[in-house]
Amino acid sequence: MNSISSIIHSPILQKNWEESGFTAFTPVQEKVVPLIMEGKDVVCESPTGTGKTLAYLLPIIQAIDPSRKQAQAVILAPSRELVMQIHQEIQKWAKGTDITSAAFIGGANVKKQVEKLKKKPHIVVGTTGRLIELMKMKKLKMHEVKTIVVDEFDLMISSEHIREVKDIIKSTLKERQVLFFSATLSDETEQVAESLLQNHEIVKMEANLDNPKVDHVFVYSELRDKVEALRSISYFKGIKALVFFNQLERLSEMEEKLKYKGVELEVLAGESNKMERKQSLDRFRSGKVSMLLTTDVAARGLDITDVTHVIHFDFPSDTKQYIHRSGRTGRMGAEGTVICLVSKRELSFLEKLSKELNLPFQEKTIRGGGLQQPETK
């Protein structure tokens, strides 16, 4: 589909689309946007970076009636960063319209947020706890809400969020539209969707590693040597690397060792407070540091552009995890490199992964400030 004009009729949205430099819908947008426009409930699984946010924002913005000064759409997200990221996208795409929006996050001053609600934003985006709090104060009124989006749905049905998600959905009118978006779905997420949605459509997009501009390599490194491998990689010219860990304990240990060795890095982990997280992301995004150490959950849904390298410090637990981590480099036609740091014990996992993904991994060594072919013995 080369033009959005056949689906998106708003001239201002079309203008914003042209100015953004996009030429066509991504595959997930092509499938999901028409379903949302038809008013269907949707459950969508699509990897990070495939255009999910825009897939629901375009139809939502088009459907808003600016003359009705009430919340008409509510978007739920699991983290402060994701809420702010979605809100920035709303502002970008609603530019030139009379459509207003506001973001609500835990930890922020409640009085200031109540003031924001007095302006009656058309689109509300927030974390569940804070929205429930505002609803209980009778400051956030849900009776005009036509659409509810739950972003990163698989994280939102964890025990800490699910009760609140259900309460928010049930506070709206019966003829509401509910949209669930996630990078991954499980049997549990599909069961929850079944109980909350009416006659919904399921859209699953396969992650695609078939990008000729991305190299998939492995560097043989025993666990005790991986910290030295990371230190060397951090000095590659122009590098902007996301380093994935399976366990927080290992991440914290590597952070300490790397900082001791003088490596400039940031950490994005579940238990960081919101100011630390914001600072870490800002410093990494702006290129002040070359490495961001993180876990799958902490990095979920965040849009970080120009990532040159994805490094699997800990070996991914399955193909899905490898695909989702690795898809963060080589986006929008850029080049990228995915590096697995592999110990002797992990070589068999690498062979298995290579077969399952039909993806040949090249062996490299770290030499002379870059990745080189291993020396022949």
Protein backbone atom coordinates (compact mmCIF):
# COMPACT_ATOMS: atom_id res chain seq x y z
CA MET A 1 0.00 0.00 0.00
CA ASN A 2 1.80 3.16 -1.19
CA SER A 3 -0.63 5.72 0.11
CA ILE A 4 -2.50 6.04 3.36
CA SER A 5 -5.17 8.28 1.81
CA SER A 6 -7.39 5.29 1.03
CA ILE A 7 -7.66 4.54 4.77
CA ILE A 8 -6.75 7.71 6.67
CA HIS A 9 -9.08 10.47 5.46
CA SER A 10 -7.99 13.29 7.74
CA PRO A 11 -6.07 15.84 5.58
CA ILE A 12 -4.01 16.92 8.61
CA LEU A 13 -2.98 13.33 9.40
CA GLN A 14 -2.09 12.84 5.73
CA LYS A 15 0.03 16.02 5.85
CA ASN A 16 1.78 14.89 9.07
CA TRP A 17 2.40 11.51 7.41
CA GLU A 18 4.03 13.14 4.39
CA GLU A 19 6.15 15.40 6.59
CA SER A 20 7.32 12.43 8.66
CA GLY A 21 8.95 10.98 5.53
CA PHE A 22 7.05 7.66 5.66
CA THR A 23 6.14 6.22 2.28
CA ALA A 24 3.98 3.19 3.13
CA PHE A 25 2.38 1.36 6.04
CA THR A 26 4.51 -1.27 7.78
CA PRO A 27 3.02 -4.81 7.53
CA VAL A 28 1.45 -4.59 11.02
CA GLN A 29 -0.13 -1.20 10.22
CA GLU A 30 -1.49 -2.54 6.95
CA LYS A 31 -3.25 -5.39 8.79
CA VAL A 32 -4.36 -3.62 11.97
CA VAL A 33 -5.39 -0.08 10.95
CA PRO A 34 -8.41 -1.21 8.83
CA LEU A 35 -9.62 -3.54 11.63
CA ILE A 36 -9.50 -0.70 14.18
CA MET A 37 -11.29 1.63 11.74
CA GLU A 38 -14.06 -0.98 11.45
CA GLY A 39 -14.47 -0.77 15.24
CA LYS A 40 -13.22 -4.30 15.95
CA ASP A 41 -11.50 -5.39 19.16
CA VAL A 42 -7.94 -6.45 18.30
CA VAL A 43 -5.17 -8.51 19.91
CA CYS A 44 -1.90 -7.82 18.11
CA GLU A 45 1.48 -9.48 18.56
CA SER A 46 4.29 -7.71 16.75
CA PRO A 47 7.98 -7.19 17.63
CA THR A 48 9.33 -3.91 19.00
CA GLY A 49 10.13 -1.48 16.20
CA THR A 50 7.52 -2.67 13.69
CA GLY A 51 5.22 0.36 14.02
CA LYS A 52 2.65 -0.87 16.57
CA THR A 53 2.16 2.51 18.27
CA LEU A 54 1.23 4.23 15.02
CA ALA A 55 -1.00 1.28 14.08
CA TYR A 56 -3.39 2.27 16.88
CA LEU A 57 -2.70 6.02 17.07
CA LEU A 58 -3.66 6.90 13.49
CA PRO A 59 -7.21 5.47 13.70
CA ILE A 60 -7.68 6.81 17.25
CA ILE A 61 -6.70 10.37 16.29
CA GLN A 62 -8.89 10.21 13.20
CA ALA A 63 -11.91 9.08 15.28
CA ILE A 64 -11.66 11.82 17.95
CA ASP A 65 -14.38 14.48 17.90
CA PRO A 66 -12.56 17.64 19.07
CA SER A 67 -15.86 19.42 19.82
CA ARG A 68 -16.64 16.93 22.62
CA LYS A 69 -14.51 18.05 25.54
CA GLN A 70 -14.08 14.67 27.23
CA ALA A 71 -11.61 11.77 27.30
CA GLN A 72 -12.51 9.64 24.26
CA ALA A 73 -9.51 7.28 24.22
CA VAL A 74 -7.38 5.86 27.04
CA ILE A 75 -3.99 4.21 26.49
CA LEU A 76 -2.39 2.11 29.26
CA ALA A 77 1.33 1.34 29.39
CA PRO A 78 3.50 -0.44 31.98
CA SER A 79 6.28 2.13 32.48
CA ARG A 80 6.79 5.86 32.83
CA GLU A 81 9.13 5.94 29.78
CA LEU A 82 6.64 4.17 27.56
CA VAL A 83 3.82 6.50 28.65
CA MET A 84 5.95 9.55 27.81
CA GLN A 85 7.08 8.04 24.51
CA ILE A 86 3.47 7.35 23.44
CA HIS A 87 2.42 10.84 24.52
CA GLN A 88 5.16 12.41 22.38
CA GLU A 89 3.91 10.41 19.39
CA ILE A 90 0.32 11.59 20.00
CA GLN A 91 1.51 15.20 20.08
CA LYS A 92 3.50 14.72 16.89
CA TRP A 93 0.63 13.15 14.94
CA ALA A 94 -2.15 15.39 16.30
CA LYS A 95 -0.14 18.51 15.38
CA GLY A 96 -2.36 20.99 13.53
CA THR A 97 -5.61 19.57 14.94
CA ASP A 98 -7.65 20.68 17.97
CA ILE A 99 -7.08 17.28 19.59
CA THR A 100 -5.51 17.44 23.05
CA SER A 101 -3.79 14.77 25.12
CA ALA A 102 -2.22 14.36 28.56
CA ALA A 103 0.10 11.84 30.25
CA PHE A 104 -0.40 10.55 33.82
CA ILE A 105 2.29 8.63 35.70
CA GLY A 106 2.79 7.42 39.25
CA GLY A 107 5.18 9.45 41.35
CA ALA A 108 4.24 12.74 39.68
CA ASN A 109 2.43 15.50 41.60
CA VAL A 110 -1.27 14.55 41.78
CA LYS A 111 -2.49 18.16 42.06
CA LYS A 112 -0.73 19.09 38.83
CA GLN A 113 -2.26 16.07 37.12
CA VAL A 114 -5.74 17.02 38.33
CA GLU A 115 -5.13 20.47 36.77
CA LYS A 116 -4.31 18.75 33.46
CA LEU A 117 -7.62 16.88 33.63
CA LYS A 118 -9.55 20.13 34.08
CA LYS A 119 -8.53 20.95 30.51
CA LYS A 120 -10.45 17.82 29.41
CA PRO A 121 -7.88 16.10 27.16
CA HIS A 122 -9.35 13.96 24.37
CA ILE A 123 -6.65 11.25 24.68
CA VAL A 124 -5.35 10.07 28.05
CA VAL A 125 -2.21 7.95 28.32
CA GLY A 126 -0.96 6.65 31.65
CA THR A 127 0.15 3.96 34.04
CA THR A 128 -2.72 1.94 35.54
CA GLY A 129 -2.16 2.84 39.21
CA ARG A 130 -2.28 6.57 38.60
CA LEU A 131 -5.34 6.38 36.33
CA ILE A 132 -7.24 4.32 38.92
CA GLU A 133 -6.30 6.91 41.57
CA LEU A 134 -7.67 9.75 39.39
CA MET A 135 -10.84 7.75 38.67
CA LYS A 136 -11.40 7.16 42.41
CA MET A 137 -11.01 10.91 42.98
CA LYS A 138 -13.73 11.31 40.32
CA LYS A 139 -11.37 13.53 38.32
CA LEU A 140 -10.98 11.16 35.36
CA LYS A 141 -14.41 10.43 33.87
CA MET A 142 -14.65 7.35 31.67
CA HIS A 143 -18.25 7.60 30.43
CA GLU A 144 -17.32 9.01 26.99
CA VAL A 145 -14.33 6.73 26.38
CA LYS A 146 -14.85 4.78 23.16
CA THR A 147 -11.41 3.12 22.83
CA ILE A 148 -8.99 1.60 25.33
CA VAL A 149 -5.51 0.46 24.31
CA VAL A 150 -3.39 -1.78 26.53
CA ASP A 151 0.19 -1.50 25.27
CA GLU A 152 2.74 -4.24 26.11
CA PHE A 153 -0.25 -6.31 27.15
CA ASP A 154 1.74 -9.36 28.26
CA LEU A 155 3.49 -7.23 30.91
CA MET A 156 0.20 -5.60 31.90
CA ILE A 157 -1.48 -8.84 32.85
CA SER A 158 1.07 -9.55 35.56
CA SER A 159 -0.45 -9.80 39.03
CA GLU A 160 0.42 -6.17 39.87
CA HIS A 161 -1.51 -4.73 36.92
CA ILE A 162 -4.29 -7.11 35.83
CA ARG A 163 -6.89 -6.09 38.44
CA GLU A 164 -6.41 -2.42 37.53
CA VAL A 165 -6.53 -3.14 33.78
CA LYS A 166 -9.83 -4.97 34.24
CA ASP A 167 -11.26 -2.20 36.43
CA ILE A 168 -10.37 0.48 33.89
CA ILE A 169 -11.87 -1.47 30.98
CA LYS A 170 -15.05 -2.23 32.94
CA SER A 171 -15.49 1.44 33.91
CA THR A 172 -16.30 2.34 30.28
CA LEU A 173 -19.45 1.87 28.23
CA LYS A 174 -20.40 -1.60 27.00
CA GLU A 175 -19.89 -0.68 23.35
CA ARG A 176 -16.26 0.31 23.86
CA GLN A 177 -13.45 -0.87 21.60
CA VAL A 178 -10.49 -2.61 23.29
CA LEU A 179 -7.09 -3.02 21.64
CA PHE A 180 -4.30 -5.18 23.07
CA PHE A 181 -0.78 -4.75 21.66
CA SER A 182 2.31 -6.68 22.66
CA ALA A 183 5.72 -7.80 21.43
CA THR A 184 4.93 -11.32 22.62
CA LEU A 185 1.75 -13.21 23.50
CA SER A 186 1.37 -16.36 25.58
CA ASP A 187 -1.51 -18.76 26.23
CA GLU A 188 -2.26 -16.76 29.38
CA THR A 189 -2.50 -13.45 27.49
CA GLU A 190 -4.86 -15.00 24.98
CA GLN A 191 -7.09 -16.37 27.78
CA VAL A 192 -7.27 -12.94 29.45
CA ALA A 193 -8.09 -11.33 26.10
CA GLU A 194 -10.86 -13.90 25.59
CA SER A 195 -12.44 -12.91 28.91
CA LEU A 196 -12.29 -9.13 28.28
CA LEU A 197 -12.97 -8.76 24.57
CA GLN A 198 -15.94 -9.28 22.32
CA ASN A 199 -15.56 -11.03 18.99
CA HIS A 200 -11.94 -9.94 18.63
CA GLU A 201 -9.46 -10.40 15.80
CA ILE A 202 -5.97 -11.79 16.53
CA VAL A 203 -3.11 -10.45 14.40
CA LYS A 204 0.33 -12.06 14.74
CA MET A 205 3.30 -10.64 12.87
CA GLU A 206 6.36 -12.82 12.53
CA ALA A 207 9.66 -11.16 13.40
CA ASN A 208 11.94 -11.00 10.41
CA LEU A 209 15.72 -11.41 10.71
CA ASP A 210 16.13 -11.40 6.94
CA ASN A 211 17.96 -8.08 6.83
CA PRO A 212 21.06 -8.13 4.60
CA LYS A 213 22.48 -5.10 6.41
CA VAL A 214 22.65 -6.87 9.80
CA ASP A 215 25.52 -9.24 10.64
CA HIS A 216 24.94 -12.01 13.18
CA VAL A 217 28.22 -13.05 14.78
CA PHE A 218 29.52 -14.85 17.83
CA VAL A 219 32.65 -14.24 19.86
CA TYR A 220 33.96 -17.20 21.85
CA SER A 221 34.40 -16.01 25.44
CA GLU A 222 34.26 -17.87 28.74
CA LEU A 223 32.15 -16.20 31.44
CA ARG A 224 35.16 -14.83 33.35
CA ASP A 225 36.42 -13.17 30.11
CA LYS A 226 33.12 -11.64 29.00
CA VAL A 227 33.70 -8.46 31.03
CA GLU A 228 36.98 -7.89 29.15
CA ALA A 229 35.21 -8.57 25.83
CA LEU A 230 32.59 -5.92 26.70
CA ARG A 231 35.29 -3.44 27.71
CA SER A 232 37.01 -3.90 24.32
CA ILE A 233 33.73 -3.61 22.40
CA SER A 234 32.88 -0.35 24.22
CA TYR A 235 35.85 1.30 22.47
CA PHE A 236 34.75 0.39 18.93
CA LYS A 237 34.50 3.58 16.86
CA GLY A 238 30.98 5.07 16.71
CA ILE A 239 29.40 2.24 18.72
CA LYS A 240 25.96 2.54 20.34
CA ALA A 241 25.31 -0.86 21.92
CA LEU A 242 22.45 -2.43 23.86
CA VAL A 243 23.77 -5.23 26.08
CA PHE A 244 21.19 -7.80 27.24
CA PHE A 245 21.35 -9.81 30.47
CA ASN A 246 19.00 -12.52 31.74
CA GLN A 247 19.62 -11.77 35.44
CA LEU A 248 19.83 -8.50 37.34
CA GLU A 249 22.57 -9.87 39.62
CA ARG A 250 24.86 -10.50 36.64
CA LEU A 251 24.02 -7.09 35.16
CA SER A 252 24.91 -5.33 38.43
CA GLU A 253 28.15 -7.30 38.73
CA MET A 254 29.20 -6.37 35.17
CA GLU A 255 28.23 -2.73 35.70
CA GLU A 256 30.55 -2.56 38.72
CA LYS A 257 33.46 -4.29 36.96
CA LEU A 258 33.16 -2.25 33.76
CA LYS A 259 32.93 1.06 35.62
CA TYR A 260 36.01 0.05 37.63
CA LYS A 261 37.80 -0.46 34.31
CA GLY A 262 36.79 3.06 33.23
CA VAL A 263 34.00 2.17 30.76
CA GLU A 264 31.39 4.91 30.29
CA LEU A 265 28.01 3.17 30.39
CA GLU A 266 24.44 3.41 31.64
CA VAL A 267 22.07 0.83 33.08
CA LEU A 268 18.35 0.36 32.51
CA ALA A 269 16.99 -2.12 35.05
CA GLY A 270 13.63 -2.83 36.61
CA GLU A 271 14.47 -1.53 40.08
CA SER A 272 16.00 1.81 38.97
CA ASN A 273 13.94 4.78 40.09
CA LYS A 274 12.29 6.91 37.41
CA MET A 275 14.86 9.73 37.51
CA GLU A 276 17.73 7.22 37.13
CA ARG A 277 15.94 5.54 34.23
CA LYS A 278 15.31 8.86 32.47
CA GLN A 279 18.91 9.96 32.93
CA SER A 280 20.26 6.61 31.68
CA LEU A 281 18.09 6.70 28.57
CA ASP A 282 18.84 10.36 27.82
CA ARG A 283 22.61 9.84 28.10
CA PHE A 284 22.50 6.74 25.88
CA ARG A 285 20.13 8.23 23.31
CA SER A 286 22.26 11.38 22.98
CA GLY A 287 25.45 9.34 22.51
CA LYS A 288 27.13 10.49 25.74
CA VAL A 289 27.78 6.83 26.58
CA SER A 290 28.38 3.97 24.15
CA MET A 291 26.68 1.17 26.11
CA LEU A 292 23.36 0.57 27.82
CA LEU A 293 23.17 -2.56 29.99
CA THR A 294 19.61 -3.85 30.31
CA THR A 295 17.16 -6.75 30.65
CA ASP A 296 14.35 -7.73 28.28
CA VAL A 297 11.61 -6.40 30.57
CA ALA A 298 13.35 -3.09 31.33
CA ALA A 299 13.93 -2.32 27.63
CA ARG A 300 10.49 -3.45 26.46
CA GLY A 301 8.68 -1.13 24.09
CA LEU A 302 11.23 1.66 24.28
CA ASP A 303 12.12 3.21 20.96
CA ILE A 304 15.87 3.77 20.87
CA THR A 305 17.12 4.79 17.44
CA ASP A 306 20.53 4.32 15.78
CA VAL A 307 21.55 1.26 17.83
CA THR A 308 24.66 -0.03 16.03
CA HIS A 309 25.16 -3.24 18.05
CA VAL A 310 23.01 -5.61 20.09
CA ILE A 311 25.09 -7.77 22.43
CA HIS A 312 23.75 -10.95 24.02
CA PHE A 313 25.92 -11.13 27.16
CA ASP A 314 23.70 -13.91 28.50
CA PHE A 315 22.52 -16.35 25.88
CA PRO A 316 18.83 -15.84 24.98
CA SER A 317 16.46 -18.47 26.38
CA ASP A 318 14.71 -19.11 23.04
CA THR A 319 14.44 -17.96 19.42
CA LYS A 320 11.75 -15.37 20.22
CA GLN A 321 14.00 -13.67 22.76
CA TYR A 322 16.90 -13.64 20.29
CA ILE A 323 14.69 -12.12 17.58
CA HIS A 324 13.22 -9.40 19.81
CA ARG A 325 16.56 -8.32 21.22
CA SER A 326 18.30 -8.44 17.85
CA GLY A 327 15.57 -6.48 16.05
CA ARG A 328 16.72 -3.33 17.84
CA THR A 329 19.59 -2.78 15.44
CA GLY A 330 19.52 -2.34 11.67
CA ARG A 331 16.20 -0.48 11.75
CA MET A 332 14.87 1.77 9.00
CA GLY A 333 17.50 0.53 6.52
CA ALA A 334 20.51 1.12 8.80
CA GLU A 335 23.39 -1.31 9.20
CA GLY A 336 23.78 -3.27 12.44
CA THR A 337 25.69 -6.05 14.15
CA VAL A 338 24.38 -8.64 16.62
CA ILE A 339 27.07 -10.21 18.82
CA CYS A 340 26.60 -13.32 20.98
CA LEU A 341 29.29 -13.71 23.63
CA VAL A 342 29.41 -17.49 23.80
CA SER A 343 31.14 -19.73 26.32
CA LYS A 344 32.11 -23.34 25.58
CA ARG A 345 28.95 -24.55 27.32
CA GLU A 346 26.80 -22.21 25.20
CA LEU A 347 28.17 -23.31 21.81
CA SER A 348 25.60 -26.13 21.59
CA PHE A 349 22.77 -23.59 22.24
CA LEU A 350 24.18 -21.42 19.43
CA GLU A 351 24.16 -24.37 17.00
CA LYS A 352 20.55 -25.16 17.97
CA LEU A 353 19.53 -21.49 17.55
CA SER A 354 21.27 -21.33 14.18
CA LYS A 355 19.30 -24.36 12.94
CA GLU A 356 15.95 -23.14 14.29
CA LEU A 357 16.35 -19.67 12.77
CA ASN A 358 18.09 -20.91 9.62
CA LEU A 359 20.67 -18.25 10.38
CA PRO A 360 24.41 -18.83 9.96
CA PHE A 361 26.51 -17.18 12.68
CA GLN A 362 30.00 -16.02 11.71
CA GLU A 363 32.75 -16.50 14.28
CA LYS A 364 34.74 -13.32 15.03
CA THR A 365 37.44 -12.24 17.46
CA ILE A 366 37.91 -8.81 18.99
CA ARG A 367 41.17 -7.31 17.72
CA GLY A 368 42.50 -3.89 16.79
CA GLY A 369 39.40 -1.98 17.88
CA GLY A 370 36.94 -4.08 15.88
CA LEU A 371 35.64 -7.53 14.95
CA GLN A 372 38.08 -9.61 12.91
CA GLN A 373 38.17 -13.07 11.38
CA PRO A 374 39.67 -15.55 13.86
CA GLU A 375 43.32 -16.37 13.21
CA THR A 376 43.78 -19.77 11.67
CA LYS A 377 45.64 -22.14 13.93
